[in-house]
């Protein structure tokens, strides 16, 4: 079977992931509101972790299936796509300002997350202990957000996470809430399995490492929600609010998804193996993009159309290099 025949399976899996993650977040938020739980608690748990559910289930399923390259490729590729594509493409429609409160802290955390992933992977594996360390880091980050929220900060990232009352499309009745939760809990693992199965098969047919599929098709698919959010915000001239979503996504990808993936692999008795190929290009592109965005945010430089074009061109160039290496 030719690799192109696995594309519909991967695409269908991505669609299931996106809808499943959305159902899970909305169902969980609605159930929490029904139980009258504090919005802050709901936002920093159900909403924050639920939005990373697509990346989480794909990477964990890949690790458990014996495809560590696909798991790590999904994390690294998603972070690269978020910084170069998700911030670059929308800037072509309108300037993205970087003066919003809270962005500096999140930009530093995103940079630290990228560096932390490289450090724990330096020995070409992520052990069970390192998985716990990454998970501890996301708990620390979420706790910091909670402390910031108590100070009534106007951080838009916190505002977006905790604005449960204005979340559109929440189910109203208990049966509809349970249906949404069930739909999410079913769609996520099924979609992940379709992606992992299709990705591994396509990689074997193309005679490339599964990591390449994770870095490209899977990473791009799981980054689509962030891309859609920032594009629409840019069209509405509100993209400066959406950049916090991108930074938060990258932090959760490394600490929550990376930690859970390392933990899942470790519990099977085998550390998460890191392919040498990640140290040739991918890790350094992720780190370089993280440094660039951190500098832009720290100096409060807006992402103009020119800068957005450079970011977007950088992503196209990165994909072109991956494609050339696969063909070679």
Protein backbone atom coordinates (compact mmCIF):
# COMPACT_ATOMS: atom_id res chain seq x y z
CA UNK A 1 0.00 0.00 0.00
CA UNK A 2 1.35 3.43 -0.93
CA UNK A 3 1.87 6.01 1.80
CA UNK A 4 -0.71 8.37 0.25
CA UNK A 5 -3.42 5.85 1.13
CA UNK A 6 -2.73 6.38 4.81
CA UNK A 7 -3.42 10.13 4.58
CA UNK A 8 -7.22 9.80 4.99
CA UNK A 9 -6.68 7.67 8.11
CA UNK A 10 -4.35 10.28 9.62
CA UNK A 11 -6.65 13.17 8.67
CA UNK A 12 -9.69 11.40 10.10
CA UNK A 13 -7.73 10.79 13.30
CA UNK A 14 -6.82 14.48 13.54
CA UNK A 15 -10.48 15.49 13.07
CA UNK A 16 -11.53 13.08 15.83
CA UNK A 17 -8.80 14.47 18.09
CA UNK A 18 -9.86 18.08 17.60
CA UNK A 19 -13.56 17.38 18.13
CA UNK A 20 -12.81 15.02 21.03
CA UNK A 21 -10.68 17.60 22.80
CA UNK A 22 -13.37 20.25 22.32
CA UNK A 23 -16.11 17.94 23.62
CA UNK A 24 -14.01 17.05 26.65
CA UNK A 25 -13.28 20.67 27.55
CA UNK A 26 -16.88 21.84 27.10
CA UNK A 27 -18.36 18.84 28.87
CA UNK A 28 -15.92 19.13 31.76
CA UNK A 29 -16.43 22.89 32.08
CA UNK A 30 -20.22 22.49 32.00
CA UNK A 31 -20.14 19.73 34.63
CA UNK A 32 -17.89 21.85 36.86
CA UNK A 33 -20.27 24.79 36.50
CA UNK A 34 -23.20 22.50 37.36
CA UNK A 35 -21.35 21.50 40.53
CA UNK A 36 -20.58 25.20 41.17
CA UNK A 37 -16.83 24.71 41.21
CA UNK A 38 -14.73 27.92 41.14
CA UNK A 39 -13.95 29.18 37.62
CA UNK A 40 -10.27 29.49 38.52
CA UNK A 41 -10.05 25.84 39.52
CA UNK A 42 -11.90 24.73 36.38
CA UNK A 43 -9.80 26.91 34.09
CA UNK A 44 -6.45 25.82 35.48
CA UNK A 45 -7.34 22.12 35.38
CA UNK A 46 -10.07 21.03 32.96
CA UNK A 47 -9.66 23.81 30.38
CA UNK A 48 -5.86 24.09 30.53
CA UNK A 49 -5.17 20.37 30.33
CA UNK A 50 -8.12 19.64 28.05
CA UNK A 51 -6.82 21.94 25.33
CA UNK A 52 -3.59 19.91 25.25
CA UNK A 53 -5.51 16.63 25.09
CA UNK A 54 -4.90 16.03 21.33
CA UNK A 55 -1.12 16.23 21.68
CA UNK A 56 -1.28 14.30 24.94
CA UNK A 57 -3.20 11.26 23.70
CA UNK A 58 -1.20 11.01 20.45
CA UNK A 59 2.16 11.13 22.21
CA UNK A 60 1.17 8.75 25.02
CA UNK A 61 -0.40 6.31 22.55
CA UNK A 62 2.72 6.49 20.37
CA UNK A 63 4.95 5.75 23.35
CA UNK A 64 2.81 2.80 24.44
CA UNK A 65 2.73 1.47 20.86
CA UNK A 66 6.50 1.49 20.60
CA UNK A 67 6.79 4.56 18.35
CA UNK A 68 8.78 7.04 20.51
CA UNK A 69 9.86 9.04 17.45
CA UNK A 70 6.25 9.82 16.60
CA UNK A 71 5.59 10.81 20.22
CA UNK A 72 8.54 13.20 20.53
CA UNK A 73 8.09 14.45 16.96
CA UNK A 74 4.55 15.48 17.78
CA UNK A 75 5.72 17.57 20.75
CA UNK A 76 8.69 19.19 19.02
CA UNK A 77 6.88 19.70 15.72
CA UNK A 78 3.86 21.28 17.43
CA UNK A 79 6.07 23.77 19.28
CA UNK A 80 7.91 24.70 16.08
CA UNK A 81 4.63 25.10 14.19
CA UNK A 82 3.15 27.22 16.98
CA UNK A 83 6.00 29.73 16.97
CA UNK A 84 6.83 29.91 13.26
CA UNK A 85 3.53 29.12 11.52
CA UNK A 86 0.82 30.03 14.05
CA UNK A 87 2.44 33.38 14.87
CA UNK A 88 3.92 34.00 11.41
CA UNK A 89 0.93 33.44 9.15
CA UNK A 90 -1.62 35.59 11.06
CA UNK A 91 0.88 38.47 11.18
CA UNK A 92 0.43 38.75 7.41
CA UNK A 93 -3.14 39.91 8.11
CA UNK A 94 -2.38 42.28 10.96
CA UNK A 95 0.31 43.25 13.46
CA UNK A 96 0.52 41.12 16.62
CA UNK A 97 1.44 43.31 19.58
CA UNK A 98 3.48 41.85 22.42
CA UNK A 99 2.79 44.33 25.23
CA UNK A 100 -0.06 42.38 26.83
CA UNK A 101 0.49 41.67 30.57
CA UNK A 102 1.76 38.21 31.39
CA UNK A 103 3.40 37.57 28.02
CA UNK A 104 6.93 38.10 29.31
CA UNK A 105 6.51 35.49 32.04
CA UNK A 106 4.98 32.98 29.63
CA UNK A 107 7.64 33.63 26.98
CA UNK A 108 10.37 32.89 29.53
CA UNK A 109 8.58 29.72 30.64
CA UNK A 110 8.20 28.60 27.02
CA UNK A 111 11.93 29.10 26.46
CA UNK A 112 12.76 27.22 29.66
CA UNK A 113 10.44 24.41 28.58
CA UNK A 114 12.22 24.03 25.23
CA UNK A 115 15.60 23.98 26.97
CA UNK A 116 14.33 21.50 29.58
CA UNK A 117 13.19 19.06 26.90
CA UNK A 118 16.63 19.10 25.30
CA UNK A 119 18.34 18.66 28.68
CA UNK A 120 16.28 15.61 29.73
CA UNK A 121 16.69 14.12 26.25
CA UNK A 122 20.46 14.71 26.16
CA UNK A 123 21.26 11.08 26.99
CA UNK A 124 18.92 10.05 24.13
CA UNK A 125 16.14 8.94 26.44
CA UNK A 126 13.54 10.32 28.83
CA UNK A 127 13.37 8.16 31.92
CA UNK A 128 10.51 7.59 34.33
CA UNK A 129 12.10 9.99 36.83
CA UNK A 130 12.51 12.69 34.17
CA UNK A 131 8.86 12.22 33.22
CA UNK A 132 7.89 12.94 36.82
CA UNK A 133 10.16 16.02 36.84
CA UNK A 134 8.45 17.43 33.73
CA UNK A 135 5.03 16.78 35.25
CA UNK A 136 6.14 18.51 38.45
CA UNK A 137 7.13 21.52 36.33
CA UNK A 138 3.62 21.84 34.84
CA UNK A 139 2.11 21.59 38.33
CA UNK A 140 4.42 24.39 39.40
CA UNK A 141 3.50 26.50 36.40
CA UNK A 142 -0.25 26.02 36.96
CA UNK A 143 0.22 26.85 40.64
CA UNK A 144 1.97 30.07 39.65
CA UNK A 145 -0.93 30.95 37.38
CA UNK A 146 -3.26 30.38 40.31
CA UNK A 147 -1.26 32.72 42.52
CA UNK A 148 -1.22 35.34 39.77
CA UNK A 149 -4.99 35.07 39.39
CA UNK A 150 -5.45 35.71 43.11
CA UNK A 151 -3.76 39.07 42.58
CA UNK A 152 -6.50 40.03 40.11
CA UNK A 153 -3.98 40.33 37.30
CA UNK A 154 -5.17 41.33 33.84
CA UNK A 155 -3.14 38.52 32.23
CA UNK A 156 -5.17 37.53 29.12
CA UNK A 157 -3.98 33.91 29.33
CA UNK A 158 -5.56 33.59 32.75
CA UNK A 159 -8.65 35.47 31.63
CA UNK A 160 -9.15 33.09 28.71
CA UNK A 161 -8.71 30.00 30.86
CA UNK A 162 -11.02 31.13 33.65
CA UNK A 163 -13.80 32.81 31.63
CA UNK A 164 -16.09 29.79 31.90
CA UNK A 165 -19.27 31.87 32.04
CA UNK A 166 -18.75 33.21 28.51
CA UNK A 167 -17.59 29.96 26.93
CA UNK A 168 -19.78 29.30 23.88
CA UNK A 169 -21.59 26.04 23.27
CA UNK A 170 -21.54 24.57 26.77
CA UNK A 171 -24.11 21.76 27.19
CA UNK A 172 -26.91 22.75 29.56
CA UNK A 173 -28.42 19.52 30.87
CA UNK A 174 -26.77 16.63 32.70
CA UNK A 175 -27.49 14.11 29.88
CA UNK A 176 -25.97 16.46 27.25
CA UNK A 177 -22.96 17.06 29.52
CA UNK A 178 -22.40 13.34 29.98
CA UNK A 179 -22.83 12.82 26.22
CA UNK A 180 -20.16 15.45 25.50
CA UNK A 181 -17.77 13.89 28.02
CA UNK A 182 -18.38 10.41 26.62
CA UNK A 183 -17.87 11.69 23.07
CA UNK A 184 -14.57 13.27 24.03
CA UNK A 185 -13.33 10.26 25.98
CA UNK A 186 -14.14 7.98 23.04
CA UNK A 187 -13.01 10.23 20.18
CA UNK A 188 -9.60 11.09 21.68
CA UNK A 189 -8.14 7.57 22.01
CA UNK A 190 -9.77 6.39 18.76
CA UNK A 191 -8.38 9.38 16.87
CA UNK A 192 -4.96 8.90 18.47
CA UNK A 193 -4.89 5.25 17.48
CA UNK A 194 -5.81 6.13 13.88
CA UNK A 195 -3.00 8.68 13.72
CA UNK A 196 -0.43 6.36 15.27
CA UNK A 197 -1.43 3.43 13.04
CA UNK A 198 -1.47 5.59 9.89
CA UNK A 199 1.72 7.42 10.83
CA UNK A 200 3.74 4.28 11.49
CA UNK A 201 2.45 2.59 8.33
CA UNK A 202 3.16 5.67 6.19
CA UNK A 203 6.67 5.95 7.63
CA UNK A 204 7.38 2.30 6.86
CA UNK A 205 6.07 2.71 3.32
CA UNK A 206 8.17 5.84 2.77
CA UNK A 207 11.20 4.25 4.46
CA UNK A 208 11.53 7.18 6.88
CA UNK A 209 11.48 7.41 10.67
CA UNK A 210 8.02 7.83 12.28
CA UNK A 211 9.48 10.98 13.85
CA UNK A 212 9.18 12.68 10.45
CA UNK A 213 5.43 12.04 10.36
CA UNK A 214 5.13 13.37 13.91
CA UNK A 215 7.13 16.50 13.09
CA UNK A 216 5.02 17.33 10.05
CA UNK A 217 1.51 15.97 9.47
CA UNK A 218 0.64 15.13 13.08
CA UNK A 219 2.19 18.27 14.59
CA UNK A 220 0.49 20.50 12.03
CA UNK A 221 -2.85 18.80 12.63
CA UNK A 222 -2.73 19.19 16.40
CA UNK A 223 -1.66 22.85 15.98
CA UNK A 224 -4.70 23.71 13.85
CA UNK A 225 -6.81 24.99 16.80
CA UNK A 226 -4.12 27.48 17.78
CA UNK A 227 -3.71 28.55 14.14
CA UNK A 228 -7.46 29.09 13.70
CA UNK A 229 -7.65 31.03 16.98
CA UNK A 230 -4.80 33.39 16.13
CA UNK A 231 -5.91 33.91 12.51
CA UNK A 232 -9.43 34.87 13.58
CA UNK A 233 -8.06 37.09 16.35
CA UNK A 234 -5.75 38.75 13.83
CA UNK A 235 -8.61 39.44 11.45
CA UNK A 236 -10.49 41.02 14.37
CA UNK A 237 -7.37 43.00 15.38
CA UNK A 238 -7.13 41.06 18.67
CA UNK A 239 -4.15 38.84 17.89
CA UNK A 240 -2.17 40.30 20.80
CA UNK A 241 -4.56 38.45 23.12
CA UNK A 242 -4.16 35.13 21.28
CA UNK A 243 -0.36 35.02 21.51
CA UNK A 244 -0.74 33.99 25.14
CA UNK A 245 -2.60 30.90 23.92
CA UNK A 246 0.39 29.92 21.77
CA UNK A 247 2.91 30.39 24.57
CA UNK A 248 0.75 28.40 26.98
CA UNK A 249 0.34 25.62 24.44
CA UNK A 250 4.10 25.23 24.05
CA UNK A 251 4.61 25.13 27.82
CA UNK A 252 1.97 22.43 28.24
CA UNK A 253 3.34 20.47 25.27
CA UNK A 254 6.73 20.03 26.92
CA UNK A 255 5.88 19.77 30.60
CA UNK A 256 2.45 18.08 30.56
CA UNK A 257 2.58 16.11 27.31
CA UNK A 258 6.31 15.36 27.50
CA UNK A 259 6.05 14.40 31.14
CA UNK A 260 3.04 12.13 30.63
CA UNK A 261 4.69 10.52 27.60
CA UNK A 262 7.90 9.85 29.50
CA UNK A 263 5.86 8.46 32.38
CA UNK A 264 3.80 6.20 30.09
CA UNK A 265 6.93 4.81 28.44
CA UNK A 266 8.67 4.38 31.79
CA UNK A 267 5.77 2.45 33.27
CA UNK A 268 6.17 -0.12 30.49
CA UNK A 269 9.73 -0.72 31.73
CA UNK A 270 11.42 1.05 28.80
CA UNK A 271 12.54 4.72 28.82
CA UNK A 272 11.28 6.96 26.03
CA UNK A 273 13.98 6.64 23.37
CA UNK A 274 15.09 9.83 21.62
CA UNK A 275 16.33 9.44 18.06
CA UNK A 276 19.70 10.96 17.21
CA UNK A 277 17.99 12.75 14.31
CA UNK A 278 16.31 15.21 16.72
CA UNK A 279 19.75 16.54 17.67
CA UNK A 280 20.66 17.18 14.04
CA UNK A 281 18.00 19.81 13.34
CA UNK A 282 14.65 19.65 15.14
CA UNK A 283 15.63 20.42 18.73
CA UNK A 284 17.71 23.38 17.61
CA UNK A 285 14.95 24.82 15.41
CA UNK A 286 12.57 24.54 18.39
CA UNK A 287 15.09 26.19 20.72
CA UNK A 288 15.98 28.89 18.19
CA UNK A 289 12.32 29.73 17.60
CA UNK A 290 11.75 29.85 21.37
CA UNK A 291 14.68 32.23 21.84
CA UNK A 292 13.49 34.44 18.98
CA UNK A 293 9.93 34.73 20.30
CA UNK A 294 11.18 35.30 23.85
CA UNK A 295 13.42 38.16 22.67
CA UNK A 296 10.58 39.68 20.64
CA UNK A 297 8.27 39.59 23.65
CA UNK A 298 10.88 40.77 26.17
CA UNK A 299 11.74 43.85 24.10
CA UNK A 300 8.03 44.35 23.34
CA UNK A 301 8.59 44.36 19.61
CA UNK A 302 5.40 43.83 17.59
CA UNK A 303 5.26 40.96 15.12
CA UNK A 304 4.74 42.99 11.97
CA UNK A 305 3.96 41.76 8.47
CA UNK A 306 7.69 41.68 7.64
CA UNK A 307 8.59 39.71 10.77
CA UNK A 308 5.59 37.45 10.25
CA UNK A 309 6.76 36.74 6.71
CA UNK A 310 10.19 35.76 8.03
CA UNK A 311 8.66 33.43 10.62
CA UNK A 312 6.37 31.84 8.05
CA UNK A 313 9.23 31.49 5.56
CA UNK A 314 11.29 29.88 8.32
CA UNK A 315 8.61 27.25 8.84
CA UNK A 316 8.33 26.54 5.11
CA UNK A 317 12.11 26.25 4.94
CA UNK A 318 12.16 23.85 7.89
CA UNK A 319 9.53 21.62 6.27
CA UNK A 320 11.44 21.76 2.98
CA UNK A 321 14.62 20.56 4.70
CA UNK A 322 12.71 17.70 6.31
CA UNK A 323 11.18 16.75 2.96
CA UNK A 324 14.57 16.84 1.26
CA UNK A 325 16.14 14.66 3.93
CA UNK A 326 13.29 12.16 3.59
CA UNK A 327 13.71 12.00 -0.18
CA UNK A 328 17.48 11.69 0.15
